Amino acid sequence: MGALESTPLRTQYLGSSLRRTQASRRYLRAISSQRIETRETYDCVVVGGGISGLAAALFFTRQAAPEATCLVLDNHAIFGGEPSRTILK
């Protein structure tokens, strides 16, 4: 069996991933009509509050000018990614 051959587990995972992607697109279409103009501006916007997103925001704030602003967006109230959500449940 080759590395790229389809196994039941791999096929099941890809189907699950596709369903999540399609659900995300439907959600984004639904909320796109509900946008609120805030007139806020940021020098850097990081999408994702996991370890990589937080590291990117930290790196930006250390390298940018002191008055530069950075916004970190996450879809959960707790930053830190999946491990932090799993531990706190």
N, C-alpha and C. Protein backbone atom coordinates (compact mmCIF):
# COMPACT_ATOMS: atom_id res chain seq x y z
N MET A 1 0.85 -1.18 0.00
CA MET A 1 0.00 0.00 0.00
C MET A 1 0.89 1.23 0.00
N GLY A 2 0.70 2.13 -0.97
CA GLY A 2 1.49 3.34 -1.08
C GLY A 2 1.04 4.39 -0.07
N ALA A 3 1.88 5.38 0.15
CA ALA A 3 1.60 6.42 1.14
C ALA A 3 0.38 7.26 0.75
N LEU A 4 0.13 7.43 -0.54
CA LEU A 4 -0.96 8.29 -0.97
C LEU A 4 -2.24 7.54 -1.30
N GLU A 5 -2.24 6.23 -1.13
CA GLU A 5 -3.44 5.47 -1.42
C GLU A 5 -4.53 5.81 -0.41
N SER A 6 -5.75 5.73 -0.85
CA SER A 6 -6.87 6.06 0.02
C SER A 6 -7.20 4.89 0.94
N THR A 7 -7.21 5.16 2.22
CA THR A 7 -7.63 4.18 3.20
C THR A 7 -8.96 4.65 3.78
N PRO A 8 -9.73 3.77 4.40
CA PRO A 8 -11.01 4.20 4.97
C PRO A 8 -10.86 5.37 5.94
N LEU A 9 -9.83 5.33 6.78
CA LEU A 9 -9.62 6.40 7.75
C LEU A 9 -9.29 7.71 7.04
N ARG A 10 -8.41 7.64 6.05
CA ARG A 10 -8.03 8.85 5.31
C ARG A 10 -9.24 9.42 4.57
N THR A 11 -10.02 8.58 3.94
CA THR A 11 -11.20 9.04 3.21
C THR A 11 -12.21 9.66 4.18
N GLN A 12 -12.37 9.05 5.33
CA GLN A 12 -13.30 9.58 6.32
C GLN A 12 -12.83 10.95 6.80
N TYR A 13 -11.53 11.10 7.02
CA TYR A 13 -10.99 12.38 7.48
C TYR A 13 -11.18 13.46 6.43
N LEU A 14 -10.90 13.13 5.16
CA LEU A 14 -11.05 14.11 4.09
C LEU A 14 -12.50 14.53 3.94
N GLY A 15 -13.44 13.60 4.08
CA GLY A 15 -14.85 13.95 4.01
C GLY A 15 -15.25 14.87 5.14
N SER A 16 -14.76 14.59 6.34
CA SER A 16 -15.04 15.42 7.50
C SER A 16 -14.48 16.82 7.31
N SER A 17 -13.27 16.90 6.79
CA SER A 17 -12.62 18.18 6.54
C SER A 17 -13.40 18.99 5.51
N LEU A 18 -13.86 18.33 4.47
CA LEU A 18 -14.64 19.00 3.43
C LEU A 18 -15.94 19.54 4.00
N ARG A 19 -16.60 18.76 4.84
CA ARG A 19 -17.86 19.23 5.45
C ARG A 19 -17.61 20.46 6.33
N ARG A 20 -16.51 20.46 7.09
CA ARG A 20 -16.19 21.63 7.92
C ARG A 20 -15.91 22.85 7.06
N THR A 21 -15.20 22.66 5.96
CA THR A 21 -14.90 23.77 5.05
C THR A 21 -16.18 24.34 4.46
N GLN A 22 -17.08 23.47 4.02
CA GLN A 22 -18.34 23.93 3.44
C GLN A 22 -19.18 24.66 4.49
N ALA A 23 -19.20 24.16 5.73
CA ALA A 23 -19.94 24.82 6.79
C ALA A 23 -19.34 26.19 7.09
N SER A 24 -18.03 26.29 7.06
CA SER A 24 -17.37 27.58 7.30
C SER A 24 -17.74 28.58 6.23
N ARG A 25 -17.77 28.14 4.97
CA ARG A 25 -18.14 29.04 3.89
C ARG A 25 -19.58 29.53 4.04
N ARG A 26 -20.49 28.62 4.41
CA ARG A 26 -21.89 29.03 4.62
C ARG A 26 -21.98 30.04 5.75
N TYR A 27 -21.24 29.82 6.82
CA TYR A 27 -21.27 30.74 7.96
C TYR A 27 -20.72 32.11 7.55
N LEU A 28 -19.62 32.13 6.83
CA LEU A 28 -19.04 33.40 6.40
C LEU A 28 -19.98 34.16 5.48
N ARG A 29 -20.67 33.46 4.59
CA ARG A 29 -21.65 34.12 3.73
C ARG A 29 -22.79 34.71 4.56
N ALA A 30 -23.21 33.99 5.58
CA ALA A 30 -24.32 34.45 6.41
C ALA A 30 -23.95 35.70 7.20
N ILE A 31 -22.74 35.73 7.74
CA ILE A 31 -22.37 36.90 8.56
C ILE A 31 -21.83 38.06 7.75
N SER A 32 -21.47 37.84 6.48
CA SER A 32 -20.91 38.93 5.69
C SER A 32 -21.92 40.06 5.50
N SER A 33 -23.19 39.75 5.52
CA SER A 33 -24.21 40.80 5.39
C SER A 33 -24.44 41.52 6.71
N GLN A 34 -23.85 41.03 7.79
CA GLN A 34 -24.05 41.63 9.11
C GLN A 34 -22.84 42.46 9.56
N ARG A 35 -21.96 42.82 8.64
CA ARG A 35 -20.76 43.57 9.01
C ARG A 35 -21.12 44.93 9.60
N ILE A 36 -20.33 45.35 10.57
CA ILE A 36 -20.51 46.65 11.18
C ILE A 36 -19.23 47.44 10.95
N GLU A 37 -19.35 48.62 10.38
CA GLU A 37 -18.19 49.45 10.12
C GLU A 37 -17.78 50.14 11.43
N THR A 38 -16.57 49.86 11.91
CA THR A 38 -16.08 50.44 13.16
C THR A 38 -15.09 51.57 12.95
N ARG A 39 -14.57 51.68 11.74
CA ARG A 39 -13.56 52.68 11.40
C ARG A 39 -12.27 52.51 12.22
N GLU A 40 -12.06 51.32 12.74
CA GLU A 40 -10.82 51.03 13.46
C GLU A 40 -9.76 50.60 12.46
N THR A 41 -8.53 51.00 12.69
CA THR A 41 -7.43 50.59 11.82
C THR A 41 -6.33 49.98 12.67
N TYR A 42 -5.68 48.98 12.11
CA TYR A 42 -4.58 48.30 12.79
C TYR A 42 -3.43 48.14 11.81
N ASP A 43 -2.23 48.14 12.33
CA ASP A 43 -1.06 47.91 11.50
C ASP A 43 -0.87 46.43 11.21
N CYS A 44 -1.37 45.58 12.08
CA CYS A 44 -1.24 44.13 11.91
C CYS A 44 -2.49 43.46 12.45
N VAL A 45 -3.04 42.52 11.71
CA VAL A 45 -4.17 41.72 12.18
C VAL A 45 -3.76 40.26 12.06
N VAL A 46 -3.80 39.56 13.19
CA VAL A 46 -3.45 38.14 13.23
C VAL A 46 -4.74 37.36 13.42
N VAL A 47 -5.00 36.41 12.55
CA VAL A 47 -6.19 35.57 12.65
C VAL A 47 -5.78 34.26 13.28
N GLY A 48 -6.25 34.02 14.49
CA GLY A 48 -5.93 32.80 15.22
C GLY A 48 -5.15 33.12 16.47
N GLY A 49 -5.68 32.71 17.61
CA GLY A 49 -5.05 32.98 18.89
C GLY A 49 -4.31 31.79 19.45
N GLY A 50 -3.90 30.88 18.58
CA GLY A 50 -3.09 29.74 19.02
C GLY A 50 -1.66 30.17 19.24
N ILE A 51 -0.79 29.20 19.48
CA ILE A 51 0.60 29.51 19.79
C ILE A 51 1.27 30.24 18.63
N SER A 52 0.99 29.87 17.40
CA SER A 52 1.61 30.54 16.24
C SER A 52 1.08 31.95 16.07
N GLY A 53 -0.22 32.14 16.25
CA GLY A 53 -0.79 33.48 16.13
C GLY A 53 -0.27 34.42 17.20
N LEU A 54 -0.19 33.93 18.43
CA LEU A 54 0.33 34.76 19.51
C LEU A 54 1.81 35.07 19.31
N ALA A 55 2.55 34.09 18.81
CA ALA A 55 3.97 34.33 18.53
C ALA A 55 4.13 35.37 17.42
N ALA A 56 3.30 35.30 16.40
CA ALA A 56 3.36 36.28 15.31
C ALA A 56 3.05 37.68 15.83
N ALA A 57 2.04 37.80 16.69
CA ALA A 57 1.69 39.10 17.26
C ALA A 57 2.83 39.64 18.13
N LEU A 58 3.42 38.77 18.92
CA LEU A 58 4.54 39.18 19.77
C LEU A 58 5.73 39.62 18.92
N PHE A 59 6.05 38.86 17.89
CA PHE A 59 7.15 39.21 17.00
C PHE A 59 6.89 40.57 16.34
N PHE A 60 5.66 40.80 15.89
CA PHE A 60 5.33 42.08 15.26
C PHE A 60 5.51 43.22 16.24
N THR A 61 4.99 43.08 17.46
CA THR A 61 5.08 44.18 18.42
C THR A 61 6.52 44.46 18.82
N ARG A 62 7.35 43.47 18.81
CA ARG A 62 8.77 43.70 19.15
C ARG A 62 9.53 44.35 18.00
N GLN A 63 9.12 44.07 16.76
CA GLN A 63 9.85 44.60 15.59
C GLN A 63 9.28 45.93 15.08
N ALA A 64 8.04 46.21 15.37
CA ALA A 64 7.37 47.40 14.82
C ALA A 64 7.67 48.63 15.67
N ALA A 65 7.24 49.75 15.17
CA ALA A 65 7.37 51.01 15.90
C ALA A 65 6.53 50.94 17.18
N PRO A 66 6.91 51.70 18.21
CA PRO A 66 6.16 51.64 19.48
C PRO A 66 4.69 51.99 19.35
N GLU A 67 4.32 52.84 18.40
CA GLU A 67 2.91 53.23 18.27
C GLU A 67 2.12 52.30 17.37
N ALA A 68 2.74 51.26 16.84
CA ALA A 68 2.04 50.30 15.97
C ALA A 68 1.02 49.49 16.77
N THR A 69 -0.08 49.17 16.12
CA THR A 69 -1.14 48.41 16.79
C THR A 69 -1.30 47.05 16.14
N CYS A 70 -1.69 46.08 16.96
CA CYS A 70 -1.87 44.71 16.49
C CYS A 70 -3.16 44.16 17.09
N LEU A 71 -3.96 43.52 16.26
CA LEU A 71 -5.21 42.91 16.70
C LEU A 71 -5.12 41.41 16.48
N VAL A 72 -5.45 40.63 17.51
CA VAL A 72 -5.47 39.17 17.40
C VAL A 72 -6.92 38.73 17.44
N LEU A 73 -7.36 38.03 16.41
CA LEU A 73 -8.74 37.53 16.33
C LEU A 73 -8.76 36.03 16.56
N ASP A 74 -9.68 35.59 17.38
CA ASP A 74 -9.86 34.16 17.61
C ASP A 74 -11.34 33.89 17.78
N ASN A 75 -11.76 32.69 17.48
CA ASN A 75 -13.19 32.37 17.58
C ASN A 75 -13.57 31.80 18.95
N HIS A 76 -12.67 31.90 19.91
CA HIS A 76 -12.97 31.46 21.27
C HIS A 76 -12.53 32.54 22.26
N ALA A 77 -13.08 32.50 23.45
CA ALA A 77 -12.77 33.51 24.46
C ALA A 77 -11.39 33.31 25.07
N ILE A 78 -10.83 32.12 24.94
CA ILE A 78 -9.53 31.81 25.56
C ILE A 78 -8.49 31.68 24.46
N PHE A 79 -7.40 32.44 24.58
CA PHE A 79 -6.30 32.30 23.63
C PHE A 79 -5.47 31.08 23.98
N GLY A 80 -4.70 30.61 23.04
CA GLY A 80 -3.80 29.49 23.29
C GLY A 80 -4.05 28.29 22.40
N GLY A 81 -5.08 28.35 21.59
CA GLY A 81 -5.34 27.26 20.65
C GLY A 81 -6.07 26.10 21.29
N GLU A 82 -6.10 25.00 20.57
CA GLU A 82 -6.84 23.80 21.00
C GLU A 82 -6.36 23.22 22.33
N PRO A 83 -5.06 23.13 22.58
CA PRO A 83 -4.63 22.55 23.85
C PRO A 83 -5.19 23.27 25.07
N SER A 84 -5.26 24.60 25.03
CA SER A 84 -5.78 25.33 26.19
C SER A 84 -7.27 25.07 26.39
N ARG A 85 -8.01 24.90 25.32
CA ARG A 85 -9.45 24.61 25.44
C ARG A 85 -9.66 23.20 25.99
N THR A 86 -8.80 22.27 25.60
CA THR A 86 -8.94 20.89 26.06
C THR A 86 -8.64 20.79 27.55
N ILE A 87 -7.63 21.46 28.00
CA ILE A 87 -7.21 21.39 29.40
C ILE A 87 -8.25 22.03 30.31
N LEU A 88 -8.85 23.12 29.88
CA LEU A 88 -9.76 23.87 30.74
C LEU A 88 -11.17 23.30 30.79
N LYS A 89 -11.49 22.34 29.95
CA LYS A 89 -12.86 21.80 29.95
C LYS A 89 -13.10 20.90 31.13
